PDB file of N, CA and C in Angstrom:
ATOM      1  N   MET A   1     -26.699   5.784   8.340  1.00  0.00           N
ATOM      2  CA  MET A   1     -26.938   4.533   8.998  1.00  0.00           C
ATOM      3  C   MET A   1     -26.468   3.426   8.081  1.00  0.00           C
ATOM      4  N   LYS A   2     -25.757   2.420   8.625  1.00  0.00           N
ATOM      5  CA  LYS A   2     -25.260   1.313   7.867  1.00  0.00           C
ATOM      6  C   LYS A   2     -26.417   0.402   7.530  1.00  0.00           C
ATOM      7  N   VAL A   3     -26.442  -0.085   6.269  1.00  0.00           N
ATOM      8  CA  VAL A   3     -27.483  -1.028   5.861  1.00  0.00           C
ATOM      9  C   VAL A   3     -26.840  -2.333   5.416  1.00  0.00           C
ATOM     10  N   LEU A   4     -27.395  -3.418   5.753  1.00  0.00           N
ATOM     11  CA  LEU A   4     -26.901  -4.736   5.319  1.00  0.00           C
ATOM     12  C   LEU A   4     -27.835  -5.264   4.237  1.00  0.00           C
ATOM     13  N   GLN A   5     -27.409  -5.069   3.021  1.00  0.00           N
ATOM     14  CA  GLN A   5     -28.186  -5.534   1.848  1.00  0.00           C
ATOM     15  C   GLN A   5     -27.206  -5.730   0.683  1.00  0.00           C
ATOM     16  N   PRO A   6     -27.654  -6.409  -0.360  1.00  0.00           N
ATOM     17  CA  PRO A   6     -26.794  -6.561  -1.533  1.00  0.00           C
ATOM     18  C   PRO A   6     -26.491  -5.202  -2.176  1.00  0.00           C
ATOM     19  N   ASP A   7     -25.329  -5.040  -2.714  1.00  0.00           N
ATOM     20  CA  ASP A   7     -24.978  -3.831  -3.428  1.00  0.00           C
ATOM     21  C   ASP A   7     -25.896  -3.717  -4.641  1.00  0.00           C
ATOM     22  N   PRO A   8     -26.697  -2.614  -4.747  1.00  0.00           N
ATOM     23  CA  PRO A   8     -27.640  -2.498  -5.864  1.00  0.00           C
ATOM     24  C   PRO A   8     -26.952  -2.320  -7.221  1.00  0.00           C
ATOM     25  N   ALA A   9     -25.687  -1.957  -7.243  1.00  0.00           N
ATOM     26  CA  ALA A   9     -24.996  -1.783  -8.514  1.00  0.00           C
ATOM     27  C   ALA A   9     -24.796  -3.089  -9.253  1.00  0.00           C
ATOM     28  N   LEU A  10     -24.606  -4.161  -8.507  1.00  0.00           N
ATOM     29  CA  LEU A  10     -24.319  -5.436  -9.105  1.00  0.00           C
ATOM     30  C   LEU A  10     -25.500  -6.014  -9.861  1.00  0.00           C
ATOM     31  N   PRO A  11     -26.698  -6.101  -9.298  1.00  0.00           N
ATOM     32  CA  PRO A  11     -27.834  -6.595 -10.095  1.00  0.00           C
ATOM     33  C   PRO A  11     -28.118  -5.732 -11.290  1.00  0.00           C
ATOM     34  N   ALA A  12     -27.856  -4.407 -11.195  1.00  0.00           N
ATOM     35  CA  ALA A  12     -28.074  -3.519 -12.335  1.00  0.00           C
ATOM     36  C   ALA A  12     -27.058  -3.848 -13.445  1.00  0.00           C
ATOM     37  N   GLU A  13     -25.821  -4.148 -13.052  1.00  0.00           N
ATOM     38  CA  GLU A  13     -24.818  -4.557 -14.027  1.00  0.00           C
ATOM     39  C   GLU A  13     -25.176  -5.856 -14.724  1.00  0.00           C
ATOM     40  N   ASN A  14     -25.667  -6.829 -13.939  1.00  0.00           N
ATOM     41  CA  ASN A  14     -26.109  -8.108 -14.511  1.00  0.00           C
ATOM     42  C   ASN A  14     -27.299  -7.938 -15.416  1.00  0.00           C
ATOM     43  N   ALA A  15     -28.212  -7.047 -15.093  1.00  0.00           N
ATOM     44  CA  ALA A  15     -29.375  -6.794 -15.946  1.00  0.00           C
ATOM     45  C   ALA A  15     -28.939  -6.175 -17.281  1.00  0.00           C
ATOM     46  N   THR A  16     -27.955  -5.290 -17.230  1.00  0.00           N
ATOM     47  CA  THR A  16     -27.400  -4.728 -18.466  1.00  0.00           C
ATOM     48  C   THR A  16     -26.786  -5.779 -19.315  1.00  0.00           C
ATOM     49  N   GLU A  17     -26.040  -6.692 -18.707  1.00  0.00           N
ATOM     50  CA  GLU A  17     -25.432  -7.839 -19.456  1.00  0.00           C
ATOM     51  C   GLU A  17     -26.495  -8.683 -20.132  1.00  0.00           C
ATOM     52  N   ASP A  18     -27.642  -8.912 -19.469  1.00  0.00           N
ATOM     53  CA  ASP A  18     -28.678  -9.699 -20.020  1.00  0.00           C
ATOM     54  C   ASP A  18     -29.287  -9.087 -21.273  1.00  0.00           C
ATOM     55  N   GLU A  19     -29.191  -7.800 -21.436  1.00  0.00           N
ATOM     56  CA  GLU A  19     -29.823  -7.093 -22.539  1.00  0.00           C
ATOM     57  C   GLU A  19     -28.964  -6.994 -23.828  1.00  0.00           C
ATOM     58  N   VAL A  20     -27.651  -7.241 -23.742  1.00  0.00           N
ATOM     59  CA  VAL A  20     -26.784  -7.083 -24.873  1.00  0.00           C
ATOM     60  C   VAL A  20     -26.770  -8.307 -25.787  1.00  0.00           C
ATOM     61  N   ASP A  21     -26.444  -8.073 -27.055  1.00  0.00           N
ATOM     62  CA  ASP A  21     -26.418  -9.160 -28.025  1.00  0.00           C
ATOM     63  C   ASP A  21     -25.171 -10.015 -27.959  1.00  0.00           C
ATOM     64  N   ALA A  22     -24.084  -9.418 -27.478  1.00  0.00           N
ATOM     65  CA  ALA A  22     -22.791 -10.110 -27.423  1.00  0.00           C
ATOM     66  C   ALA A  22     -22.219 -10.017 -26.005  1.00  0.00           C
ATOM     67  N   LEU A  23     -21.424 -10.997 -25.638  1.00  0.00           N
ATOM     68  CA  LEU A  23     -20.815 -10.975 -24.306  1.00  0.00           C
ATOM     69  C   LEU A  23     -19.868  -9.797 -24.200  1.00  0.00           C
ATOM     70  N   ARG A  24     -19.878  -9.170 -23.025  1.00  0.00           N
ATOM     71  CA  ARG A  24     -18.950  -8.054 -22.804  1.00  0.00           C
ATOM     72  C   ARG A  24     -17.628  -8.563 -22.215  1.00  0.00           C
ATOM     73  N   GLY A  25     -17.606  -9.774 -21.736  1.00  0.00           N
ATOM     74  CA  GLY A  25     -16.402 -10.343 -21.141  1.00  0.00           C
ATOM     75  C   GLY A  25     -16.576 -11.852 -20.985  1.00  0.00           C
ATOM     76  N   TYR A  26     -15.600 -12.490 -20.439  1.00  0.00           N
ATOM     77  CA  TYR A  26     -15.695 -13.959 -20.300  1.00  0.00           C
ATOM     78  C   TYR A  26     -16.395 -14.369 -18.998  1.00  0.00           C
ATOM     79  N   ASP A  27     -16.371 -13.497 -18.010  1.00  0.00           N
ATOM     80  CA  ASP A  27     -17.014 -13.809 -16.721  1.00  0.00           C
ATOM     81  C   ASP A  27     -18.214 -12.948 -16.482  1.00  0.00           C
ATOM     82  N   ARG A  28     -19.272 -13.559 -16.025  1.00  0.00           N
ATOM     83  CA  ARG A  28     -20.436 -12.806 -15.608  1.00  0.00           C
ATOM     84  C   ARG A  28     -20.178 -12.441 -14.150  1.00  0.00           C
ATOM     85  N   SER A  29     -20.638 -11.246 -13.749  1.00  0.00           N
ATOM     86  CA  SER A  29     -20.502 -10.881 -12.326  1.00  0.00           C
ATOM     87  C   SER A  29     -21.284 -11.833 -11.455  1.00  0.00           C
ATOM     88  N   ALA A  30     -20.773 -12.029 -10.274  1.00  0.00           N
ATOM     89  CA  ALA A  30     -21.435 -12.912  -9.336  1.00  0.00           C
ATOM     90  C   ALA A  30     -22.752 -12.357  -8.879  1.00  0.00           C
ATOM     91  N   GLN A  31     -23.617 -13.193  -8.333  1.00  0.00           N
ATOM     92  CA  GLN A  31     -24.870 -12.711  -7.769  1.00  0.00           C
ATOM     93  C   GLN A  31     -24.544 -11.852  -6.564  1.00  0.00           C
ATOM     94  N   ALA A  32     -25.323 -10.816  -6.366  1.00  0.00           N
ATOM     95  CA  ALA A  32     -25.076  -9.899  -5.255  1.00  0.00           C
ATOM     96  C   ALA A  32     -25.323 -10.573  -3.918  1.00  0.00           C
ATOM     97  N   THR A  33     -24.451 -10.401  -2.971  1.00  0.00           N
ATOM     98  CA  THR A  33     -24.609 -10.877  -1.611  1.00  0.00           C
ATOM     99  C   THR A  33     -24.585  -9.647  -0.685  1.00  0.00           C
ATOM    100  N   VAL A  34     -24.936  -9.837   0.557  1.00  0.00           N
ATOM    101  CA  VAL A  34     -24.994  -8.750   1.537  1.00  0.00           C
ATOM    102  C   VAL A  34     -23.597  -8.064   1.599  1.00  0.00           C
ATOM    103  N   SER A  35     -23.634  -6.770   1.495  1.00  0.00           N
ATOM    104  CA  SER A  35     -22.417  -5.955   1.491  1.00  0.00           C
ATOM    105  C   SER A  35     -22.221  -5.310   2.876  1.00  0.00           C
ATOM    106  N   GLN A  36     -20.979  -5.148   3.265  1.00  0.00           N
ATOM    107  CA  GLN A  36     -20.666  -4.505   4.532  1.00  0.00           C
ATOM    108  C   GLN A  36     -20.316  -3.020   4.347  1.00  0.00           C
ATOM    109  N   HIS A  37     -20.415  -2.460   3.107  1.00  0.00           N
ATOM    110  CA  HIS A  37     -19.968  -1.121   2.879  1.00  0.00           C
ATOM    111  C   HIS A  37     -21.070  -0.178   2.414  1.00  0.00           C
ATOM    112  N   LEU A  38     -22.324  -0.479   2.655  1.00  0.00           N
ATOM    113  CA  LEU A  38     -23.416   0.392   2.210  1.00  0.00           C
ATOM    114  C   LEU A  38     -23.928   1.229   3.392  1.00  0.00           C
ATOM    115  N   TRP A  39     -24.157   2.494   3.113  1.00  0.00           N
ATOM    116  CA  TRP A  39     -24.709   3.386   4.112  1.00  0.00           C
ATOM    117  C   TRP A  39     -25.850   4.159   3.487  1.00  0.00           C
ATOM    118  N   ARG A  40     -26.844   4.533   4.281  1.00  0.00           N
ATOM    119  CA  ARG A  40     -27.992   5.277   3.808  1.00  0.00           C
ATOM    120  C   ARG A  40     -28.290   6.406   4.762  1.00  0.00           C
ATOM    121  N   GLY A  41     -28.682   7.530   4.185  1.00  0.00           N
ATOM    122  CA  GLY A  41     -29.067   8.692   4.951  1.00  0.00           C
ATOM    123  C   GLY A  41     -30.180   9.456   4.259  1.00  0.00           C
ATOM    124  N   ALA A  42     -31.017  10.077   4.999  1.00  0.00           N
ATOM    125  CA  ALA A  42     -32.081  10.870   4.389  1.00  0.00           C
ATOM    126  C   ALA A  42     -31.531  12.230   3.959  1.00  0.00           C
ATOM    127  N   LEU A  43     -31.970  12.691   2.802  1.00  0.00           N
ATOM    128  CA  LEU A  43     -31.568  13.970   2.345  1.00  0.00           C
ATOM    129  C   LEU A  43     -32.587  15.000   2.817  1.00  0.00           C
ATOM    130  N   PRO A  44     -32.151  16.178   3.297  1.00  0.00           N
ATOM    131  CA  PRO A  44     -33.081  17.187   3.754  1.00  0.00           C
ATOM    132  C   PRO A  44     -33.917  17.736   2.596  1.00  0.00           C
ATOM    133  N   THR A  45     -35.223  17.869   2.828  1.00  0.00           N
ATOM    134  CA  THR A  45     -36.087  18.401   1.789  1.00  0.00           C
ATOM    135  C   THR A  45     -36.720  19.755   2.194  1.00  0.00           C
ATOM    136  N   GLY A  46     -36.350  20.259   3.404  1.00  0.00           N
ATOM    137  CA  GLY A  46     -36.880  21.529   3.807  1.00  0.00           C
ATOM    138  C   GLY A  46     -35.991  22.709   3.421  1.00  0.00           C
ATOM    139  N   LEU A  47     -35.098  22.489   2.513  1.00  0.00           N
ATOM    140  CA  LEU A  47     -34.201  23.552   2.032  1.00  0.00           C
ATOM    141  C   LEU A  47     -34.841  24.379   0.932  1.00  0.00           C
ATOM    142  N   ASP A  48     -34.194  25.462   0.546  1.00  0.00           N
ATOM    143  CA  ASP A  48     -34.700  26.283  -0.580  1.00  0.00           C
ATOM    144  C   ASP A  48     -34.642  25.446  -1.852  1.00  0.00           C
ATOM    145  N   THR A  49     -35.489  25.814  -2.792  1.00  0.00           N
ATOM    146  CA  THR A  49     -35.482  25.151  -4.100  1.00  0.00           C
ATOM    147  C   THR A  49     -34.131  25.445  -4.746  1.00  0.00           C
ATOM    148  N   GLY A  50     -33.708  24.527  -5.581  1.00  0.00           N
ATOM    149  CA  GLY A  50     -32.398  24.673  -6.303  1.00  0.00           C
ATOM    150  C   GLY A  50     -31.522  23.482  -6.053  1.00  0.00           C
ATOM    151  N   ASP A  51     -30.239  23.651  -6.452  1.00  0.00           N
ATOM    152  CA  ASP A  51     -29.256  22.582  -6.341  1.00  0.00           C
ATOM    153  C   ASP A  51     -28.594  22.547  -4.964  1.00  0.00           C
ATOM    154  N   HIS A  52     -28.376  21.359  -4.487  1.00  0.00           N
ATOM    155  CA  HIS A  52     -27.706  21.141  -3.161  1.00  0.00           C
ATOM    156  C   HIS A  52     -26.665  20.086  -3.344  1.00  0.00           C
ATOM    157  N   LYS A  53     -25.582  20.184  -2.572  1.00  0.00           N
ATOM    158  CA  LYS A  53     -24.463  19.245  -2.687  1.00  0.00           C
ATOM    159  C   LYS A  53     -24.425  18.376  -1.458  1.00  0.00           C
ATOM    160  N   VAL A  54     -24.087  17.087  -1.666  1.00  0.00           N
ATOM    161  CA  VAL A  54     -23.908  16.116  -0.611  1.00  0.00           C
ATOM    162  C   VAL A  54     -22.454  15.684  -0.698  1.00  0.00           C
ATOM    163  N   GLU A  55     -21.744  15.768   0.414  1.00  0.00           N
ATOM    164  CA  GLU A  55     -20.350  15.295   0.453  1.00  0.00           C
ATOM    165  C   GLU A  55     -20.229  14.216   1.505  1.00  0.00           C
ATOM    166  N   VAL A  56     -19.561  13.142   1.194  1.00  0.00           N
ATOM    167  CA  VAL A  56     -19.350  12.004   2.089  1.00  0.00           C
ATOM    168  C   VAL A  56     -17.828  11.871   2.274  1.00  0.00           C
ATOM    169  N   ARG A  57     -17.412  11.781   3.527  1.00  0.00           N
ATOM    170  CA  ARG A  57     -15.975  11.539   3.841  1.00  0.00           C
ATOM    171  C   ARG A  57     -15.836  10.226   4.526  1.00  0.00           C
ATOM    172  N   GLU A  58     -14.748   9.521   4.276  1.00  0.00           N
ATOM    173  CA  GLU A  58     -14.462   8.243   4.896  1.00  0.00           C
ATOM    174  C   GLU A  58     -12.992   8.204   5.283  1.00  0.00           C
ATOM    175  N   LEU A  59     -12.727   7.600   6.385  1.00  0.00           N
ATOM    176  CA  LEU A  59     -11.341   7.463   6.803  1.00  0.00           C
ATOM    177  C   LEU A  59     -10.953   6.010   6.724  1.00  0.00           C
ATOM    178  N   ASP A  60     -10.022   5.671   5.826  1.00  0.00           N
ATOM    179  CA  ASP A  60      -9.510   4.350   5.653  1.00  0.00           C
ATOM    180  C   ASP A  60      -8.155   4.283   6.315  1.00  0.00           C
ATOM    181  N   ARG A  61      -7.968   3.305   7.165  1.00  0.00           N
ATOM    182  CA  ARG A  61      -6.728   3.267   7.937  1.00  0.00           C
ATOM    183  C   ARG A  61      -5.466   3.062   7.083  1.00  0.00           C
ATOM    184  N   TRP A  62      -5.642   2.498   5.879  1.00  0.00           N
ATOM    185  CA  TRP A  62      -4.470   2.246   5.001  1.00  0.00           C
ATOM    186  C   TRP A  62      -4.327   3.364   3.967  1.00  0.00           C
ATOM    187  N   GLN A  63      -5.407   3.880   3.454  1.00  0.00           N
ATOM    188  CA  GLN A  63      -5.315   4.890   2.357  1.00  0.00           C
ATOM    189  C   GLN A  63      -5.672   6.285   2.782  1.00  0.00           C
ATOM    190  N   GLY A  64      -5.930   6.501   4.052  1.00  0.00           N
ATOM    191  CA  GLY A  64      -6.240   7.846   4.523  1.00  0.00           C
ATOM    192  C   GLY A  64      -7.662   8.268   4.207  1.00  0.00           C
ATOM    193  N   GLU A  65      -7.862   9.556   4.209  1.00  0.00           N
ATOM    194  CA  GLU A  65      -9.200  10.082   4.013  1.00  0.00           C
ATOM    195  C   GLU A  65      -9.601  10.051   2.526  1.00  0.00           C
ATOM    196  N   LYS A  66     -10.789   9.653   2.264  1.00  0.00           N
ATOM    197  CA  LYS A  66     -11.344   9.681   0.893  1.00  0.00           C
ATOM    198  C   LYS A  66     -12.666  10.446   0.957  1.00  0.00           C
ATOM    199  N   HIS A  67     -13.048  11.004  -0.155  1.00  0.00           N
ATOM    200  CA  HIS A  67     -14.317  11.685  -0.194  1.00  0.00           C
ATOM    201  C   HIS A  67     -14.982  11.514  -1.550  1.00  0.00           C
ATOM    202  N   ALA A  68     -16.307  11.664  -1.563  1.00  0.00           N
ATOM    203  CA  ALA A  68     -17.094  11.665  -2.785  1.00  0.00           C
ATOM    204  C   ALA A  68     -18.177  12.706  -2.604  1.00  0.00           C
ATOM    205  N   GLU A  69     -18.670  13.190  -3.708  1.00  0.00           N
ATOM    206  CA  GLU A  69     -19.780  14.146  -3.645  1.00  0.00           C
ATOM    207  C   GLU A  69     -20.728  13.941  -4.792  1.00  0.00           C
ATOM    208  N   THR A  70     -21.917  14.336  -4.555  1.00  0.00           N
ATOM    209  CA  THR A  70     -22.959  14.339  -5.568  1.00  0.00           C
ATOM    210  C   THR A  70     -23.906  15.515  -5.305  1.00  0.00           C
ATOM    211  N   SER A  71     -24.841  15.745  -6.130  1.00  0.00           N
ATOM    212  CA  SER A  71     -25.769  16.831  -5.926  1.00  0.00           C
ATOM    213  C   SER A  71     -27.179  16.386  -6.227  1.00  0.00           C
ATOM    214  N   TYR A  72     -28.134  17.121  -5.694  1.00  0.00           N
ATOM    215  CA  TYR A  72     -29.539  16.888  -6.032  1.00  0.00           C
ATOM    216  C   TYR A  72     -30.229  18.233  -6.091  1.00  0.00           C
ATOM    217  N   ARG A  73     -31.397  18.217  -6.747  1.00  0.00           N
ATOM    218  CA  ARG A  73     -32.109  19.428  -6.964  1.00  0.00           C
ATOM    219  C   ARG A  73     -33.513  19.357  -6.364  1.00  0.00           C
ATOM    220  N   LEU A  74     -33.887  20.384  -5.620  1.00  0.00           N
ATOM    221  CA  LEU A  74     -35.211  20.496  -5.097  1.00  0.00           C
ATOM    222  C   LEU A  74     -36.020  21.465  -5.932  1.00  0.00           C
ATOM    223  N   GLU A  75     -37.176  21.019  -6.313  1.00  0.00           N
ATOM    224  CA  GLU A  75     -38.066  21.897  -7.114  1.00  0.00           C
ATOM    225  C   GLU A  75     -39.380  22.133  -6.362  1.00  0.00           C
ATOM    226  N   ASP A  76     -40.042  23.201  -6.711  1.00  0.00           N
ATOM    227  CA  ASP A  76     -41.315  23.504  -6.109  1.00  0.00           C
ATOM    228  C   ASP A  76     -42.334  22.463  -6.565  1.00  0.00           C
ATOM    229  N   GLY A  77     -42.959  21.772  -5.656  1.00  0.00           N
ATOM    230  CA  GLY A  77     -43.911  20.733  -6.009  1.00  0.00           C
ATOM    231  C   GLY A  77     -45.330  21.195  -6.099  1.00  0.00           C
ATOM    232  N   ALA A  78     -45.583  22.493  -6.036  1.00  0.00           N
ATOM    233  CA  ALA A  78     -46.955  23.012  -6.134  1.00  0.00           C
ATOM    234  C   ALA A  78     -47.519  22.781  -7.550  1.00  0.00           C
ATOM    235  N   PRO A  79     -48.767  22.364  -7.635  1.00  0.00           N
ATOM    236  CA  PRO A  79     -49.368  22.138  -8.962  1.00  0.00           C
ATOM    237  C   PRO A  79     -49.542  23.399  -9.772  1.00  0.00           C
TER     238      PRO A  79
END
């Protein structure tokens, strides 16, 4: 599902800049504004314990198909 919110990576980058003793560059990143490129989906949790892969594909009319992947691990939550 598409979400309309600021890109969370930008405030994180600005927070990192606030913590350093010396400037990393001449320009500070702008304040985050609502982004048109964020999507959110729920990850299934009813799968077997262990590692699972998430793959995202996107079709860009100028650059063709792009994809990215990441993984997550489900562990037994029993005490």
